[in-house]
Amino acid sequence: MRSSHVERVLREYQALRDPAGDPALEAVKAAVFLEDVFGITLSETEIDHELLGTEAGMRAVLDRSRSPG
């Protein structure tokens, strides 16, 4: 995954999210976004409701998916 592609997609996602929204809902929206755009499927237990809806949370998931398992 090219870094420029990731940066562009994260910027697009940030424009879509509601920073004042419910963190749990934003986390689920982020999980759906990651699956739709990057093919990364998260289990319910992997959805961190405090972090996933943020840029830092999205980056953490993307970094983890690129690391050898």
PDB file of N, CA and C in Angstrom:
ATOM      1  N   MET A   1       0.842  -1.163   0.000  1.00  0.00           N
ATOM      2  CA  MET A   1       0.000   0.000   0.000  1.00  0.00           C
ATOM      3  C   MET A   1       0.897   1.240   0.000  1.00  0.00           C
ATOM      4  N   ARG A   2       0.732   2.083  -0.984  1.00  0.00           N
ATOM      5  CA  ARG A   2       1.565   3.277  -1.081  1.00  0.00           C
ATOM      6  C   ARG A   2       1.212   4.289   0.003  1.00  0.00           C
ATOM      7  N   SER A   3       2.223   4.921   0.544  1.00  0.00           N
ATOM      8  CA  SER A   3       2.028   5.911   1.595  1.00  0.00           C
ATOM      9  C   SER A   3       1.150   7.067   1.122  1.00  0.00           C
ATOM     10  N   SER A   4       1.336   7.524  -0.109  1.00  0.00           N
ATOM     11  CA  SER A   4       0.532   8.645  -0.606  1.00  0.00           C
ATOM     12  C   SER A   4      -0.941   8.259  -0.693  1.00  0.00           C
ATOM     13  N   HIS A   5      -1.211   7.008  -1.052  1.00  0.00           N
ATOM     14  CA  HIS A   5      -2.593   6.525  -1.112  1.00  0.00           C
ATOM     15  C   HIS A   5      -3.206   6.521   0.287  1.00  0.00           C
ATOM     16  N   VAL A   6      -2.470   6.028   1.252  1.00  0.00           N
ATOM     17  CA  VAL A   6      -2.955   5.982   2.633  1.00  0.00           C
ATOM     18  C   VAL A   6      -3.234   7.397   3.129  1.00  0.00           C
ATOM     19  N   GLU A   7      -2.322   8.317   2.880  1.00  0.00           N
ATOM     20  CA  GLU A   7      -2.499   9.705   3.320  1.00  0.00           C
ATOM     21  C   GLU A   7      -3.750  10.319   2.701  1.00  0.00           C
ATOM     22  N   ARG A   8      -3.953  10.104   1.421  1.00  0.00           N
ATOM     23  CA  ARG A   8      -5.119  10.666   0.730  1.00  0.00           C
ATOM     24  C   ARG A   8      -6.404  10.088   1.306  1.00  0.00           C
ATOM     25  N   VAL A   9      -6.431   8.788   1.488  1.00  0.00           N
ATOM     26  CA  VAL A   9      -7.632   8.135   1.999  1.00  0.00           C
ATOM     27  C   VAL A   9      -7.927   8.582   3.432  1.00  0.00           C
ATOM     28  N   LEU A  10      -6.899   8.714   4.258  1.00  0.00           N
ATOM     29  CA  LEU A  10      -7.128   9.172   5.631  1.00  0.00           C
ATOM     30  C   LEU A  10      -7.654  10.607   5.656  1.00  0.00           C
ATOM     31  N   ARG A  11      -7.164  11.452   4.768  1.00  0.00           N
ATOM     32  CA  ARG A  11      -7.691  12.822   4.678  1.00  0.00           C
ATOM     33  C   ARG A  11      -9.162  12.799   4.279  1.00  0.00           C
ATOM     34  N   GLU A  12      -9.493  11.956   3.321  1.00  0.00           N
ATOM     35  CA  GLU A  12     -10.890  11.831   2.899  1.00  0.00           C
ATOM     36  C   GLU A  12     -11.755  11.341   4.061  1.00  0.00           C
ATOM     37  N   TYR A  13     -11.266  10.369   4.789  1.00  0.00           N
ATOM     38  CA  TYR A  13     -12.028   9.849   5.921  1.00  0.00           C
ATOM     39  C   TYR A  13     -12.245  10.931   6.980  1.00  0.00           C
ATOM     40  N   GLN A  14     -11.206  11.703   7.272  1.00  0.00           N
ATOM     41  CA  GLN A  14     -11.330  12.744   8.297  1.00  0.00           C
ATOM     42  C   GLN A  14     -12.403  13.761   7.925  1.00  0.00           C
ATOM     43  N   ALA A  15     -12.567  14.011   6.638  1.00  0.00           N
ATOM     44  CA  ALA A  15     -13.609  14.942   6.191  1.00  0.00           C
ATOM     45  C   ALA A  15     -15.000  14.356   6.403  1.00  0.00           C
ATOM     46  N   LEU A  16     -15.119  13.037   6.491  1.00  0.00           N
ATOM     47  CA  LEU A  16     -16.410  12.371   6.640  1.00  0.00           C
ATOM     48  C   LEU A  16     -16.833  12.179   8.097  1.00  0.00           C
ATOM     49  N   ARG A  17     -15.862  12.110   8.983  1.00  0.00           N
ATOM     50  CA  ARG A  17     -16.202  11.768  10.370  1.00  0.00           C
ATOM     51  C   ARG A  17     -16.784  12.955  11.121  1.00  0.00           C
ATOM     52  N   ASP A  18     -17.486  12.652  12.188  1.00  0.00           N
ATOM     53  CA  ASP A  18     -18.100  13.667  13.036  1.00  0.00           C
ATOM     54  C   ASP A  18     -17.346  13.699  14.356  1.00  0.00           C
ATOM     55  N   PRO A  19     -16.428  14.666  14.527  1.00  0.00           N
ATOM     56  CA  PRO A  19     -15.625  14.693  15.750  1.00  0.00           C
ATOM     57  C   PRO A  19     -16.467  14.834  17.024  1.00  0.00           C
ATOM     58  N   ALA A  20     -17.667  15.375  16.893  1.00  0.00           N
ATOM     59  CA  ALA A  20     -18.546  15.530  18.053  1.00  0.00           C
ATOM     60  C   ALA A  20     -19.484  14.324  18.203  1.00  0.00           C
ATOM     61  N   GLY A  21     -19.348  13.362  17.319  1.00  0.00           N
ATOM     62  CA  GLY A  21     -20.235  12.195  17.339  1.00  0.00           C
ATOM     63  C   GLY A  21     -19.906  11.231  18.451  1.00  0.00           C
ATOM     64  N   ASP A  22     -20.781  10.276  18.621  1.00  0.00           N
ATOM     65  CA  ASP A  22     -20.610   9.213  19.604  1.00  0.00           C
ATOM     66  C   ASP A  22     -19.367   8.401  19.235  1.00  0.00           C
ATOM     67  N   PRO A  23     -18.388   8.280  20.141  1.00  0.00           N
ATOM     68  CA  PRO A  23     -17.154   7.551  19.821  1.00  0.00           C
ATOM     69  C   PRO A  23     -17.394   6.111  19.366  1.00  0.00           C
ATOM     70  N   ALA A  24     -18.384   5.443  19.948  1.00  0.00           N
ATOM     71  CA  ALA A  24     -18.663   4.059  19.555  1.00  0.00           C
ATOM     72  C   ALA A  24     -19.154   4.004  18.109  1.00  0.00           C
ATOM     73  N   LEU A  25     -20.028   4.916  17.741  1.00  0.00           N
ATOM     74  CA  LEU A  25     -20.530   4.958  16.367  1.00  0.00           C
ATOM     75  C   LEU A  25     -19.412   5.330  15.393  1.00  0.00           C
ATOM     76  N   GLU A  26     -18.586   6.283  15.771  1.00  0.00           N
ATOM     77  CA  GLU A  26     -17.474   6.676  14.904  1.00  0.00           C
ATOM     78  C   GLU A  26     -16.496   5.514  14.717  1.00  0.00           C
ATOM     79  N   ALA A  27     -16.282   4.723  15.755  1.00  0.00           N
ATOM     80  CA  ALA A  27     -15.391   3.567  15.653  1.00  0.00           C
ATOM     81  C   ALA A  27     -15.952   2.527  14.695  1.00  0.00           C
ATOM     82  N   VAL A  28     -17.249   2.284  14.773  1.00  0.00           N
ATOM     83  CA  VAL A  28     -17.871   1.317  13.863  1.00  0.00           C
ATOM     84  C   VAL A  28     -17.811   1.835  12.431  1.00  0.00           C
ATOM     85  N   LYS A  29     -18.069   3.128  12.231  1.00  0.00           N
ATOM     86  CA  LYS A  29     -17.973   3.717  10.887  1.00  0.00           C
ATOM     87  C   LYS A  29     -16.551   3.577  10.351  1.00  0.00           C
ATOM     88  N   ALA A  30     -15.560   3.773  11.211  1.00  0.00           N
ATOM     89  CA  ALA A  30     -14.166   3.626  10.791  1.00  0.00           C
ATOM     90  C   ALA A  30     -13.866   2.188  10.401  1.00  0.00           C
ATOM     91  N   ALA A  31     -14.393   1.231  11.161  1.00  0.00           N
ATOM     92  CA  ALA A  31     -14.176  -0.190  10.851  1.00  0.00           C
ATOM     93  C   ALA A  31     -14.779  -0.539   9.491  1.00  0.00           C
ATOM     94  N   VAL A  32     -15.969  -0.031   9.216  1.00  0.00           N
ATOM     95  CA  VAL A  32     -16.612  -0.274   7.914  1.00  0.00           C
ATOM     96  C   VAL A  32     -15.789   0.360   6.806  1.00  0.00           C
ATOM     97  N   PHE A  33     -15.305   1.567   7.034  1.00  0.00           N
ATOM     98  CA  PHE A  33     -14.469   2.266   6.060  1.00  0.00           C
ATOM     99  C   PHE A  33     -13.205   1.465   5.758  1.00  0.00           C
ATOM    100  N   LEU A  34     -12.526   0.978   6.796  1.00  0.00           N
ATOM    101  CA  LEU A  34     -11.308   0.189   6.599  1.00  0.00           C
ATOM    102  C   LEU A  34     -11.587  -1.068   5.785  1.00  0.00           C
ATOM    103  N   GLU A  35     -12.712  -1.690   6.039  1.00  0.00           N
ATOM    104  CA  GLU A  35     -13.050  -2.901   5.289  1.00  0.00           C
ATOM    105  C   GLU A  35     -13.362  -2.564   3.829  1.00  0.00           C
ATOM    106  N   ASP A  36     -14.149  -1.522   3.614  1.00  0.00           N
ATOM    107  CA  ASP A  36     -14.529  -1.142   2.248  1.00  0.00           C
ATOM    108  C   ASP A  36     -13.341  -0.683   1.416  1.00  0.00           C
ATOM    109  N   VAL A  37     -12.469   0.112   2.002  1.00  0.00           N
ATOM    110  CA  VAL A  37     -11.382   0.734   1.240  1.00  0.00           C
ATOM    111  C   VAL A  37     -10.131  -0.133   1.196  1.00  0.00           C
ATOM    112  N   PHE A  38      -9.781  -0.746   2.317  1.00  0.00           N
ATOM    113  CA  PHE A  38      -8.519  -1.477   2.405  1.00  0.00           C
ATOM    114  C   PHE A  38      -8.685  -2.992   2.517  1.00  0.00           C
ATOM    115  N   GLY A  39      -9.912  -3.470   2.653  1.00  0.00           N
ATOM    116  CA  GLY A  39     -10.130  -4.906   2.802  1.00  0.00           C
ATOM    117  C   GLY A  39      -9.689  -5.434   4.156  1.00  0.00           C
ATOM    118  N   ILE A  40      -9.607  -4.559   5.156  1.00  0.00           N
ATOM    119  CA  ILE A  40      -9.201  -4.957   6.506  1.00  0.00           C
ATOM    120  C   ILE A  40     -10.465  -5.191   7.324  1.00  0.00           C
ATOM    121  N   THR A  41     -10.658  -6.425   7.749  1.00  0.00           N
ATOM    122  CA  THR A  41     -11.833  -6.762   8.537  1.00  0.00           C
ATOM    123  C   THR A  41     -11.436  -6.879  10.000  1.00  0.00           C
ATOM    124  N   LEU A  42     -12.129  -6.138  10.842  1.00  0.00           N
ATOM    125  CA  LEU A  42     -11.870  -6.170  12.274  1.00  0.00           C
ATOM    126  C   LEU A  42     -12.980  -6.937  12.966  1.00  0.00           C
ATOM    127  N   SER A  43     -12.600  -7.735  13.948  1.00  0.00           N
ATOM    128  CA  SER A  43     -13.619  -8.398  14.766  1.00  0.00           C
ATOM    129  C   SER A  43     -14.172  -7.384  15.762  1.00  0.00           C
ATOM    130  N   GLU A  44     -15.281  -7.711  16.354  1.00  0.00           N
ATOM    131  CA  GLU A  44     -15.902  -6.803  17.320  1.00  0.00           C
ATOM    132  C   GLU A  44     -14.945  -6.450  18.460  1.00  0.00           C
ATOM    133  N   THR A  45     -14.135  -7.411  18.880  1.00  0.00           N
ATOM    134  CA  THR A  45     -13.218  -7.163  19.986  1.00  0.00           C
ATOM    135  C   THR A  45     -12.041  -6.280  19.581  1.00  0.00           C
ATOM    136  N   GLU A  46     -11.785  -6.144  18.284  1.00  0.00           N
ATOM    137  CA  GLU A  46     -10.684  -5.300  17.811  1.00  0.00           C
ATOM    138  C   GLU A  46     -11.102  -3.838  17.598  1.00  0.00           C
ATOM    139  N   ILE A  47     -12.385  -3.550  17.733  1.00  0.00           N
ATOM    140  CA  ILE A  47     -12.873  -2.189  17.506  1.00  0.00           C
ATOM    141  C   ILE A  47     -12.769  -1.412  18.814  1.00  0.00           C
ATOM    142  N   ASP A  48     -11.741  -0.591  18.914  1.00  0.00           N
ATOM    143  CA  ASP A  48     -11.503   0.242  20.097  1.00  0.00           C
ATOM    144  C   ASP A  48     -12.379   1.484  19.978  1.00  0.00           C
ATOM    145  N   HIS A  49     -13.412   1.572  20.778  1.00  0.00           N
ATOM    146  CA  HIS A  49     -14.385   2.649  20.656  1.00  0.00           C
ATOM    147  C   HIS A  49     -13.826   4.010  21.022  1.00  0.00           C
ATOM    148  N   GLU A  50     -12.735   4.046  21.737  1.00  0.00           N
ATOM    149  CA  GLU A  50     -12.129   5.328  22.098  1.00  0.00           C
ATOM    150  C   GLU A  50     -11.139   5.814  21.052  1.00  0.00           C
ATOM    151  N   LEU A  51     -10.569   4.912  20.281  1.00  0.00           N
ATOM    152  CA  LEU A  51      -9.469   5.285  19.400  1.00  0.00           C
ATOM    153  C   LEU A  51      -9.745   5.106  17.916  1.00  0.00           C
ATOM    154  N   LEU A  52     -10.480   4.089  17.537  1.00  0.00           N
ATOM    155  CA  LEU A  52     -10.568   3.725  16.125  1.00  0.00           C
ATOM    156  C   LEU A  52     -11.125   4.823  15.237  1.00  0.00           C
ATOM    157  N   GLY A  53     -12.066   5.605  15.706  1.00  0.00           N
ATOM    158  CA  GLY A  53     -12.639   6.660  14.877  1.00  0.00           C
ATOM    159  C   GLY A  53     -11.723   7.846  14.654  1.00  0.00           C
ATOM    160  N   THR A  54     -10.543   7.824  15.259  1.00  0.00           N
ATOM    161  CA  THR A  54      -9.592   8.930  15.117  1.00  0.00           C
ATOM    162  C   THR A  54      -8.533   8.578  14.069  1.00  0.00           C
ATOM    163  N   GLU A  55      -7.824   9.588  13.610  1.00  0.00           N
ATOM    164  CA  GLU A  55      -6.758   9.349  12.640  1.00  0.00           C
ATOM    165  C   GLU A  55      -5.684   8.438  13.235  1.00  0.00           C
ATOM    166  N   ALA A  56      -5.337   8.654  14.497  1.00  0.00           N
ATOM    167  CA  ALA A  56      -4.321   7.818  15.144  1.00  0.00           C
ATOM    168  C   ALA A  56      -4.771   6.356  15.200  1.00  0.00           C
ATOM    169  N   GLY A  57      -6.029   6.141  15.484  1.00  0.00           N
ATOM    170  CA  GLY A  57      -6.555   4.781  15.529  1.00  0.00           C
ATOM    171  C   GLY A  57      -6.547   4.116  14.170  1.00  0.00           C
ATOM    172  N   MET A  58      -6.909   4.878  13.145  1.00  0.00           N
ATOM    173  CA  MET A  58      -6.897   4.347  11.781  1.00  0.00           C
ATOM    174  C   MET A  58      -5.469   3.978  11.379  1.00  0.00           C
ATOM    175  N   ARG A  59      -4.522   4.857  11.690  1.00  0.00           N
ATOM    176  CA  ARG A  59      -3.118   4.587  11.351  1.00  0.00           C
ATOM    177  C   ARG A  59      -2.608   3.339  12.069  1.00  0.00           C
ATOM    178  N   ALA A  60      -3.002   3.161  13.316  1.00  0.00           N
ATOM    179  CA  ALA A  60      -2.562   1.989  14.079  1.00  0.00           C
ATOM    180  C   ALA A  60      -3.050   0.700  13.413  1.00  0.00           C
ATOM    181  N   VAL A  61      -4.297   0.691  12.968  1.00  0.00           N
ATOM    182  CA  VAL A  61      -4.832  -0.499  12.296  1.00  0.00           C
ATOM    183  C   VAL A  61      -4.100  -0.725  10.974  1.00  0.00           C
ATOM    184  N   LEU A  62      -3.887   0.338  10.210  1.00  0.00           N
ATOM    185  CA  LEU A  62      -3.189   0.195   8.926  1.00  0.00           C
ATOM    186  C   LEU A  62      -1.758  -0.285   9.134  1.00  0.00           C
ATOM    187  N   ASP A  63      -1.071   0.263  10.126  1.00  0.00           N
ATOM    188  CA  ASP A  63       0.304  -0.165  10.417  1.00  0.00           C
ATOM    189  C   ASP A  63       0.329  -1.637  10.828  1.00  0.00           C
ATOM    190  N   ARG A  64      -0.601  -2.038  11.672  1.00  0.00           N
ATOM    191  CA  ARG A  64      -0.671  -3.427  12.125  1.00  0.00           C
ATOM    192  C   ARG A  64      -0.939  -4.370  10.961  1.00  0.00           C
ATOM    193  N   SER A  65      -1.764  -3.931  10.018  1.00  0.00           N
ATOM    194  CA  SER A  65      -2.103  -4.808   8.879  1.00  0.00           C
ATOM    195  C   SER A  65      -0.934  -4.970   7.923  1.00  0.00           C
ATOM    196  N   ARG A  66      -0.013  -4.016   7.944  1.00  0.00           N
ATOM    197  CA  ARG A  66       1.163  -4.103   7.063  1.00  0.00           C
ATOM    198  C   ARG A  66       2.305  -4.871   7.680  1.00  0.00           C
ATOM    199  N   SER A  67       2.251  -5.061   9.018  1.00  0.00           N
ATOM    200  CA  SER A  67       3.311  -5.776   9.710  1.00  0.00           C
ATOM    201  C   SER A  67       3.127  -7.276   9.539  1.00  0.00           C
ATOM    202  N   PRO A  68       4.238  -7.986   9.366  1.00  0.00           N
ATOM    203  CA  PRO A  68       4.123  -9.448   9.279  1.00  0.00           C
ATOM    204  C   PRO A  68       3.597 -10.003  10.595  1.00  0.00           C
ATOM    205  N   GLY A  69       2.659 -10.934  10.493  1.00  0.00           N
ATOM    206  CA  GLY A  69       1.904 -11.444  11.572  1.00  0.00           C
ATOM    207  C   GLY A  69       2.486 -12.195  12.636  1.00  0.00           C
TER     208      GLY A  69
END
